Amino acid sequence: TFDKAFLQSIKAVMLYERIVKIVGVPPVKVGESSIKMPGEKYHWSGMDNTAFNILVVAGKVVEANVMTPEKIIIILDGYGEINELGK
């Protein structure tokens, strides 16, 4: 289950490979579009309808977010700050 406690274990600039080891399974690469933005986006689906997403630039996490069982989105920004967006 992905939640705030899980997101707090993730640090900005953590290596992508480390994140995969923490989660335990490889993600699905997402976000391919005609708009070219720096980085690659990855997604994991968790138990209890939770989700975990990261944006990786040069092999390091620059942004991450989770959707909790209560459908609250919580973001870890590039400065290491955690913010709840609500439902």
PDB file of N, CA and C in Angstrom:
ATOM      1  N   THR A   1       0.847  -1.178   0.000  1.00  0.00           N
ATOM      2  CA  THR A   1       0.000   0.000   0.000  1.00  0.00           C
ATOM      3  C   THR A   1       0.897   1.247   0.000  1.00  0.00           C
ATOM      4  N   PHE A   2       0.630   2.151  -0.915  1.00  0.00           N
ATOM      5  CA  PHE A   2       1.387   3.396  -0.979  1.00  0.00           C
ATOM      6  C   PHE A   2       0.641   4.463  -0.187  1.00  0.00           C
ATOM      7  N   ASP A   3       1.351   5.120   0.740  1.00  0.00           N
ATOM      8  CA  ASP A   3       0.742   6.136   1.584  1.00  0.00           C
ATOM      9  C   ASP A   3       1.799   7.178   1.961  1.00  0.00           C
ATOM     10  N   LYS A   4       1.430   8.091   2.853  1.00  0.00           N
ATOM     11  CA  LYS A   4       2.350   9.162   3.239  1.00  0.00           C
ATOM     12  C   LYS A   4       3.616   8.610   3.883  1.00  0.00           C
ATOM     13  N   ALA A   5       3.475   7.597   4.731  1.00  0.00           N
ATOM     14  CA  ALA A   5       4.644   7.004   5.384  1.00  0.00           C
ATOM     15  C   ALA A   5       5.601   6.422   4.347  1.00  0.00           C
ATOM     16  N   PHE A   6       5.056   5.779   3.331  1.00  0.00           N
ATOM     17  CA  PHE A   6       5.904   5.247   2.262  1.00  0.00           C
ATOM     18  C   PHE A   6       6.619   6.392   1.551  1.00  0.00           C
ATOM     19  N   LEU A   7       5.883   7.427   1.185  1.00  0.00           N
ATOM     20  CA  LEU A   7       6.479   8.538   0.451  1.00  0.00           C
ATOM     21  C   LEU A   7       7.587   9.212   1.272  1.00  0.00           C
ATOM     22  N   GLN A   8       7.434   9.244   2.585  1.00  0.00           N
ATOM     23  CA  GLN A   8       8.448   9.848   3.438  1.00  0.00           C
ATOM     24  C   GLN A   8       9.750   9.057   3.429  1.00  0.00           C
ATOM     25  N   SER A   9       9.695   7.792   2.995  1.00  0.00           N
ATOM     26  CA  SER A   9      10.915   6.985   2.902  1.00  0.00           C
ATOM     27  C   SER A   9      11.678   7.250   1.605  1.00  0.00           C
ATOM     28  N   ILE A  10      11.061   7.979   0.690  1.00  0.00           N
ATOM     29  CA  ILE A  10      11.672   8.311  -0.596  1.00  0.00           C
ATOM     30  C   ILE A  10      12.303   9.694  -0.474  1.00  0.00           C
ATOM     31  N   LYS A  11      13.485   9.839  -1.009  1.00  0.00           N
ATOM     32  CA  LYS A  11      14.174  11.127  -0.959  1.00  0.00           C
ATOM     33  C   LYS A  11      14.378  11.658  -2.374  1.00  0.00           C
ATOM     34  N   ALA A  12      14.269  12.971  -2.528  1.00  0.00           N
ATOM     35  CA  ALA A  12      14.581  13.589  -3.813  1.00  0.00           C
ATOM     36  C   ALA A  12      16.036  13.273  -4.143  1.00  0.00           C
ATOM     37  N   VAL A  13      16.315  13.082  -5.376  1.00  0.00           N
ATOM     38  CA  VAL A  13      17.610  12.699  -5.960  1.00  0.00           C
ATOM     39  C   VAL A  13      18.039  11.268  -5.621  1.00  0.00           C
ATOM     40  N   MET A  14      17.114  10.456  -5.079  1.00  0.00           N
ATOM     41  CA  MET A  14      17.406   9.045  -4.869  1.00  0.00           C
ATOM     42  C   MET A  14      17.519   8.384  -6.245  1.00  0.00           C
ATOM     43  N   LEU A  15      18.394   7.420  -6.381  1.00  0.00           N
ATOM     44  CA  LEU A  15      18.578   6.740  -7.655  1.00  0.00           C
ATOM     45  C   LEU A  15      17.367   5.888  -8.016  1.00  0.00           C
ATOM     46  N   TYR A  16      17.035   5.880  -9.297  1.00  0.00           N
ATOM     47  CA  TYR A  16      15.918   5.090  -9.810  1.00  0.00           C
ATOM     48  C   TYR A  16      16.033   3.625  -9.380  1.00  0.00           C
ATOM     49  N   GLU A  17      17.218   3.046  -9.507  1.00  0.00           N
ATOM     50  CA  GLU A  17      17.412   1.634  -9.155  1.00  0.00           C
ATOM     51  C   GLU A  17      17.097   1.372  -7.685  1.00  0.00           C
ATOM     52  N   ARG A  18      17.404   2.324  -6.825  1.00  0.00           N
ATOM     53  CA  ARG A  18      17.115   2.189  -5.391  1.00  0.00           C
ATOM     54  C   ARG A  18      15.601   2.165  -5.161  1.00  0.00           C
ATOM     55  N   ILE A  19      14.879   3.005  -5.878  1.00  0.00           N
ATOM     56  CA  ILE A  19      13.417   3.039  -5.750  1.00  0.00           C
ATOM     57  C   ILE A  19      12.826   1.684  -6.143  1.00  0.00           C
ATOM     58  N   VAL A  20      13.298   1.120  -7.258  1.00  0.00           N
ATOM     59  CA  VAL A  20      12.793  -0.185  -7.713  1.00  0.00           C
ATOM     60  C   VAL A  20      13.048  -1.245  -6.643  1.00  0.00           C
ATOM     61  N   LYS A  21      14.210  -1.196  -5.991  1.00  0.00           N
ATOM     62  CA  LYS A  21      14.506  -2.159  -4.918  1.00  0.00           C
ATOM     63  C   LYS A  21      13.575  -1.959  -3.730  1.00  0.00           C
ATOM     64  N   ILE A  22      13.283  -0.715  -3.385  1.00  0.00           N
ATOM     65  CA  ILE A  22      12.391  -0.435  -2.256  1.00  0.00           C
ATOM     66  C   ILE A  22      10.988  -0.974  -2.544  1.00  0.00           C
ATOM     67  N   VAL A  23      10.478  -0.722  -3.752  1.00  0.00           N
ATOM     68  CA  VAL A  23       9.129  -1.171  -4.091  1.00  0.00           C
ATOM     69  C   VAL A  23       9.100  -2.690  -4.265  1.00  0.00           C
ATOM     70  N   GLY A  24      10.146  -3.240  -4.880  1.00  0.00           N
ATOM     71  CA  GLY A  24      10.223  -4.690  -5.019  1.00  0.00           C
ATOM     72  C   GLY A  24       9.819  -5.240  -6.369  1.00  0.00           C
ATOM     73  N   VAL A  25       9.216  -4.423  -7.211  1.00  0.00           N
ATOM     74  CA  VAL A  25       8.838  -4.833  -8.567  1.00  0.00           C
ATOM     75  C   VAL A  25       9.105  -3.672  -9.513  1.00  0.00           C
ATOM     76  N   PRO A  26       9.393  -3.979 -10.786  1.00  0.00           N
ATOM     77  CA  PRO A  26       9.632  -2.889 -11.734  1.00  0.00           C
ATOM     78  C   PRO A  26       8.350  -2.112 -12.039  1.00  0.00           C
ATOM     79  N   PRO A  27       8.499  -0.834 -12.382  1.00  0.00           N
ATOM     80  CA  PRO A  27       7.337  -0.003 -12.697  1.00  0.00           C
ATOM     81  C   PRO A  27       6.937  -0.138 -14.163  1.00  0.00           C
ATOM     82  N   VAL A  28       5.863   0.547 -14.495  1.00  0.00           N
ATOM     83  CA  VAL A  28       5.449   0.724 -15.879  1.00  0.00           C
ATOM     84  C   VAL A  28       5.883   2.121 -16.286  1.00  0.00           C
ATOM     85  N   LYS A  29       6.549   2.229 -17.431  1.00  0.00           N
ATOM     86  CA  LYS A  29       6.938   3.554 -17.923  1.00  0.00           C
ATOM     87  C   LYS A  29       5.710   4.208 -18.532  1.00  0.00           C
ATOM     88  N   VAL A  30       5.468   5.462 -18.185  1.00  0.00           N
ATOM     89  CA  VAL A  30       4.283   6.182 -18.667  1.00  0.00           C
ATOM     90  C   VAL A  30       4.687   7.556 -19.174  1.00  0.00           C
ATOM     91  N   GLY A  31       3.727   8.254 -19.760  1.00  0.00           N
ATOM     92  CA  GLY A  31       3.935   9.644 -20.106  1.00  0.00           C
ATOM     93  C   GLY A  31       4.522   9.892 -21.473  1.00  0.00           C
ATOM     94  N   GLU A  32       4.530   8.885 -22.329  1.00  0.00           N
ATOM     95  CA  GLU A  32       5.018   9.133 -23.684  1.00  0.00           C
ATOM     96  C   GLU A  32       3.984   9.984 -24.412  1.00  0.00           C
ATOM     97  N   SER A  33       4.427  11.110 -24.916  1.00  0.00           N
ATOM     98  CA  SER A  33       3.514  11.983 -25.648  1.00  0.00           C
ATOM     99  C   SER A  33       4.307  12.805 -26.640  1.00  0.00           C
ATOM    100  N   SER A  34       3.616  13.621 -27.398  1.00  0.00           N
ATOM    101  CA  SER A  34       4.290  14.472 -28.370  1.00  0.00           C
ATOM    102  C   SER A  34       4.973  15.661 -27.697  1.00  0.00           C
ATOM    103  N   ILE A  35       4.600  15.944 -26.458  1.00  0.00           N
ATOM    104  CA  ILE A  35       5.222  17.040 -25.719  1.00  0.00           C
ATOM    105  C   ILE A  35       6.498  16.500 -25.070  1.00  0.00           C
ATOM    106  N   LYS A  36       7.610  17.067 -25.426  1.00  0.00           N
ATOM    107  CA  LYS A  36       8.890  16.598 -24.894  1.00  0.00           C
ATOM    108  C   LYS A  36       9.229  17.348 -23.606  1.00  0.00           C
ATOM    109  N   MET A  37       9.152  16.630 -22.513  1.00  0.00           N
ATOM    110  CA  MET A  37       9.531  17.194 -21.220  1.00  0.00           C
ATOM    111  C   MET A  37      10.734  16.417 -20.729  1.00  0.00           C
ATOM    112  N   PRO A  38      11.617  17.052 -19.995  1.00  0.00           N
ATOM    113  CA  PRO A  38      12.777  16.312 -19.493  1.00  0.00           C
ATOM    114  C   PRO A  38      12.348  15.226 -18.514  1.00  0.00           C
ATOM    115  N   GLY A  39      13.021  14.105 -18.584  1.00  0.00           N
ATOM    116  CA  GLY A  39      12.772  13.035 -17.632  1.00  0.00           C
ATOM    117  C   GLY A  39      11.861  11.939 -18.156  1.00  0.00           C
ATOM    118  N   GLU A  40      11.810  10.883 -17.349  1.00  0.00           N
ATOM    119  CA  GLU A  40      10.962   9.739 -17.653  1.00  0.00           C
ATOM    120  C   GLU A  40      10.031   9.514 -16.472  1.00  0.00           C
ATOM    121  N   LYS A  41       8.778   9.161 -16.773  1.00  0.00           N
ATOM    122  CA  LYS A  41       7.784   8.948 -15.726  1.00  0.00           C
ATOM    123  C   LYS A  41       7.527   7.451 -15.577  1.00  0.00           C
ATOM    124  N   TYR A  42       7.411   7.020 -14.296  1.00  0.00           N
ATOM    125  CA  TYR A  42       7.159   5.622 -13.984  1.00  0.00           C
ATOM    126  C   TYR A  42       6.005   5.519 -12.999  1.00  0.00           C
ATOM    127  N   HIS A  43       5.265   4.392 -13.077  1.00  0.00           N
ATOM    128  CA  HIS A  43       4.059   4.193 -12.274  1.00  0.00           C
ATOM    129  C   HIS A  43       4.032   2.787 -11.684  1.00  0.00           C
ATOM    130  N   TRP A  44       3.608   2.705 -10.423  1.00  0.00           N
ATOM    131  CA  TRP A  44       3.320   1.437  -9.772  1.00  0.00           C
ATOM    132  C   TRP A  44       1.882   1.489  -9.263  1.00  0.00           C
ATOM    133  N   SER A  45       1.156   0.391  -9.406  1.00  0.00           N
ATOM    134  CA  SER A  45      -0.161   0.238  -8.797  1.00  0.00           C
ATOM    135  C   SER A  45       0.025  -0.590  -7.536  1.00  0.00           C
ATOM    136  N   GLY A  46      -0.599  -0.151  -6.447  1.00  0.00           N
ATOM    137  CA  GLY A  46      -0.448  -0.846  -5.179  1.00  0.00           C
ATOM    138  C   GLY A  46      -1.749  -1.446  -4.690  1.00  0.00           C
ATOM    139  N   MET A  47      -1.665  -2.054  -3.530  1.00  0.00           N
ATOM    140  CA  MET A  47      -2.857  -2.622  -2.897  1.00  0.00           C
ATOM    141  C   MET A  47      -3.779  -1.492  -2.450  1.00  0.00           C
ATOM    142  N   ASP A  48      -5.034  -1.830  -2.222  1.00  0.00           N
ATOM    143  CA  ASP A  48      -6.032  -0.871  -1.726  1.00  0.00           C
ATOM    144  C   ASP A  48      -6.228   0.305  -2.680  1.00  0.00           C
ATOM    145  N   ASN A  49      -6.075   0.068  -3.996  1.00  0.00           N
ATOM    146  CA  ASN A  49      -6.253   1.104  -5.029  1.00  0.00           C
ATOM    147  C   ASN A  49      -5.320   2.284  -4.843  1.00  0.00           C
ATOM    148  N   THR A  50      -4.096   2.016  -4.384  1.00  0.00           N
ATOM    149  CA  THR A  50      -3.102   3.069  -4.241  1.00  0.00           C
ATOM    150  C   THR A  50      -2.196   3.091  -5.468  1.00  0.00           C
ATOM    151  N   ALA A  51      -1.448   4.170  -5.617  1.00  0.00           N
ATOM    152  CA  ALA A  51      -0.522   4.297  -6.744  1.00  0.00           C
ATOM    153  C   ALA A  51       0.694   5.106  -6.308  1.00  0.00           C
ATOM    154  N   PHE A  52       1.801   4.869  -7.010  1.00  0.00           N
ATOM    155  CA  PHE A  52       3.058   5.568  -6.756  1.00  0.00           C
ATOM    156  C   PHE A  52       3.644   5.944  -8.107  1.00  0.00           C
ATOM    157  N   ASN A  53       4.011   7.208  -8.262  1.00  0.00           N
ATOM    158  CA  ASN A  53       4.554   7.718  -9.522  1.00  0.00           C
ATOM    159  C   ASN A  53       5.831   8.492  -9.244  1.00  0.00           C
ATOM    160  N   ILE A  54       6.794   8.362 -10.162  1.00  0.00           N
ATOM    161  CA  ILE A  54       8.023   9.136 -10.029  1.00  0.00           C
ATOM    162  C   ILE A  54       8.399   9.757 -11.367  1.00  0.00           C
ATOM    163  N   LEU A  55       9.123  10.857 -11.289  1.00  0.00           N
ATOM    164  CA  LEU A  55       9.735  11.491 -12.451  1.00  0.00           C
ATOM    165  C   LEU A  55      11.238  11.399 -12.239  1.00  0.00           C
ATOM    166  N   VAL A  56      11.926  10.801 -13.230  1.00  0.00           N
ATOM    167  CA  VAL A  56      13.359  10.557 -13.128  1.00  0.00           C
ATOM    168  C   VAL A  56      14.082  11.371 -14.194  1.00  0.00           C
ATOM    169  N   VAL A  57      15.107  12.107 -13.779  1.00  0.00           N
ATOM    170  CA  VAL A  57      15.975  12.845 -14.696  1.00  0.00           C
ATOM    171  C   VAL A  57      17.407  12.429 -14.383  1.00  0.00           C
ATOM    172  N   ALA A  58      18.133  12.020 -15.416  1.00  0.00           N
ATOM    173  CA  ALA A  58      19.532  11.590 -15.265  1.00  0.00           C
ATOM    174  C   ALA A  58      19.678  10.494 -14.206  1.00  0.00           C
ATOM    175  N   GLY A  59      18.698   9.578 -14.154  1.00  0.00           N
ATOM    176  CA  GLY A  59      18.778   8.441 -13.246  1.00  0.00           C
ATOM    177  C   GLY A  59      18.381   8.713 -11.812  1.00  0.00           C
ATOM    178  N   LYS A  60      17.939   9.958 -11.516  1.00  0.00           N
ATOM    179  CA  LYS A  60      17.576  10.317 -10.144  1.00  0.00           C
ATOM    180  C   LYS A  60      16.145  10.836 -10.074  1.00  0.00           C
ATOM    181  N   VAL A  61      15.486  10.544  -8.963  1.00  0.00           N
ATOM    182  CA  VAL A  61      14.118  11.003  -8.745  1.00  0.00           C
ATOM    183  C   VAL A  61      14.123  12.506  -8.505  1.00  0.00           C
ATOM    184  N   VAL A  62      13.313  13.235  -9.274  1.00  0.00           N
ATOM    185  CA  VAL A  62      13.181  14.675  -9.061  1.00  0.00           C
ATOM    186  C   VAL A  62      11.795  15.037  -8.534  1.00  0.00           C
ATOM    187  N   GLU A  63      10.850  14.094  -8.624  1.00  0.00           N
ATOM    188  CA  GLU A  63       9.504  14.314  -8.102  1.00  0.00           C
ATOM    189  C   GLU A  63       8.852  12.951  -7.918  1.00  0.00           C
ATOM    190  N   ALA A  64       8.016  12.830  -6.893  1.00  0.00           N
ATOM    191  CA  ALA A  64       7.286  11.586  -6.640  1.00  0.00           C
ATOM    192  C   ALA A  64       5.929  11.931  -6.048  1.00  0.00           C
ATOM    193  N   ASN A  65       4.969  11.036  -6.245  1.00  0.00           N
ATOM    194  CA  ASN A  65       3.674  11.219  -5.598  1.00  0.00           C
ATOM    195  C   ASN A  65       3.010   9.883  -5.358  1.00  0.00           C
ATOM    196  N   VAL A  66       2.131   9.853  -4.387  1.00  0.00           N
ATOM    197  CA  VAL A  66       1.312   8.676  -4.108  1.00  0.00           C
ATOM    198  C   VAL A  66      -0.147   9.080  -4.086  1.00  0.00           C
ATOM    199  N   MET A  67      -1.010   8.111  -4.410  1.00  0.00           N
ATOM    200  CA  MET A  67      -2.435   8.260  -4.183  1.00  0.00           C
ATOM    201  C   MET A  67      -2.787   7.236  -3.114  1.00  0.00           C
ATOM    202  N   THR A  68      -3.277   7.716  -1.982  1.00  0.00           N
ATOM    203  CA  THR A  68      -3.555   6.874  -0.826  1.00  0.00           C
ATOM    204  C   THR A  68      -4.883   6.124  -0.998  1.00  0.00           C
ATOM    205  N   PRO A  69      -5.164   5.158  -0.095  1.00  0.00           N
ATOM    206  CA  PRO A  69      -6.454   4.465  -0.158  1.00  0.00           C
ATOM    207  C   PRO A  69      -7.647   5.421  -0.047  1.00  0.00           C
ATOM    208  N   GLU A  70      -7.437   6.571   0.601  1.00  0.00           N
ATOM    209  CA  GLU A  70      -8.506   7.567   0.748  1.00  0.00           C
ATOM    210  C   GLU A  70      -8.593   8.506  -0.455  1.00  0.00           C
ATOM    211  N   LYS A  71      -7.816   8.202  -1.510  1.00  0.00           N
ATOM    212  CA  LYS A  71      -7.783   8.990  -2.757  1.00  0.00           C
ATOM    213  C   LYS A  71      -7.179  10.377  -2.568  1.00  0.00           C
ATOM    214  N   ILE A  72      -6.302  10.521  -1.578  1.00  0.00           N
ATOM    215  CA  ILE A  72      -5.577  11.765  -1.362  1.00  0.00           C
ATOM    216  C   ILE A  72      -4.246  11.668  -2.111  1.00  0.00           C
ATOM    217  N   ILE A  73      -3.903  12.704  -2.845  1.00  0.00           N
ATOM    218  CA  ILE A  73      -2.635  12.741  -3.566  1.00  0.00           C
ATOM    219  C   ILE A  73      -1.624  13.503  -2.717  1.00  0.00           C
ATOM    220  N   ILE A  74      -0.479  12.869  -2.497  1.00  0.00           N
ATOM    221  CA  ILE A  74       0.591  13.465  -1.708  1.00  0.00           C
ATOM    222  C   ILE A  74       1.833  13.538  -2.593  1.00  0.00           C
ATOM    223  N   ILE A  75       2.460  14.708  -2.649  1.00  0.00           N
ATOM    224  CA  ILE A  75       3.586  14.954  -3.554  1.00  0.00           C
ATOM    225  C   ILE A  75       4.872  15.190  -2.779  1.00  0.00           C
ATOM    226  N   LEU A  76       5.966  14.599  -3.281  1.00  0.00           N
ATOM    227  CA  LEU A  76       7.316  14.911  -2.836  1.00  0.00           C
ATOM    228  C   LEU A  76       7.947  15.729  -3.947  1.00  0.00           C
ATOM    229  N   ASP A  77       8.239  16.989  -3.676  1.00  0.00           N
ATOM    230  CA  ASP A  77       8.799  17.837  -4.735  1.00  0.00           C
ATOM    231  C   ASP A  77      10.326  17.751  -4.767  1.00  0.00           C
ATOM    232  N   GLY A  78      10.914  18.420  -5.715  1.00  0.00           N
ATOM    233  CA  GLY A  78      12.351  18.386  -5.919  1.00  0.00           C
ATOM    234  C   GLY A  78      13.165  18.965  -4.774  1.00  0.00           C
ATOM    235  N   TYR A  79      12.508  19.674  -3.862  1.00  0.00           N
ATOM    236  CA  TYR A  79      13.188  20.247  -2.702  1.00  0.00           C
ATOM    237  C   TYR A  79      13.071  19.351  -1.470  1.00  0.00           C
ATOM    238  N   GLY A  80      12.411  18.200  -1.631  1.00  0.00           N
ATOM    239  CA  GLY A  80      12.225  17.277  -0.525  1.00  0.00           C
ATOM    240  C   GLY A  80      11.026  17.577   0.349  1.00  0.00           C
ATOM    241  N   GLU A  81      10.185  18.527  -0.081  1.00  0.00           N
ATOM    242  CA  GLU A  81       8.998  18.900   0.677  1.00  0.00           C
ATOM    243  C   GLU A  81       7.839  17.978   0.321  1.00  0.00           C
ATOM    244  N   ILE A  82       7.050  17.588   1.315  1.00  0.00           N
ATOM    245  CA  ILE A  82       5.872  16.751   1.090  1.00  0.00           C
ATOM    246  C   ILE A  82       4.631  17.604   1.283  1.00  0.00           C
ATOM    247  N   ASN A  83       3.742  17.556   0.281  1.00  0.00           N
ATOM    248  CA  ASN A  83       2.516  18.354   0.302  1.00  0.00           C
ATOM    249  C   ASN A  83       1.329  17.478  -0.054  1.00  0.00           C
ATOM    250  N   GLU A  84       0.237  17.633   0.700  1.00  0.00           N
ATOM    251  CA  GLU A  84      -0.998  16.918   0.393  1.00  0.00           C
ATOM    252  C   GLU A  84      -1.887  17.792  -0.467  1.00  0.00           C
ATOM    253  N   LEU A  85      -2.356  17.221  -1.583  1.00  0.00           N
ATOM    254  CA  LEU A  85      -3.240  17.966  -2.473  1.00  0.00           C
ATOM    255  C   LEU A  85      -4.702  17.723  -2.167  1.00  0.00           C
ATOM    256  N   GLY A  86      -5.012  16.726  -1.388  1.00  0.00           N
ATOM    257  CA  GLY A  86      -6.410  16.403  -1.115  1.00  0.00           C
ATOM    258  C   GLY A  86      -6.953  15.485  -2.175  1.00  0.00           C
ATOM    259  N   LYS A  87      -8.277  15.380  -2.192  1.00  0.00           N
ATOM    260  CA  LYS A  87      -8.938  14.449  -3.127  1.00  0.00           C
ATOM    261  C   LYS A  87      -9.119  15.069  -4.480  1.00  0.00           C
TER     262      LYS A  87
END
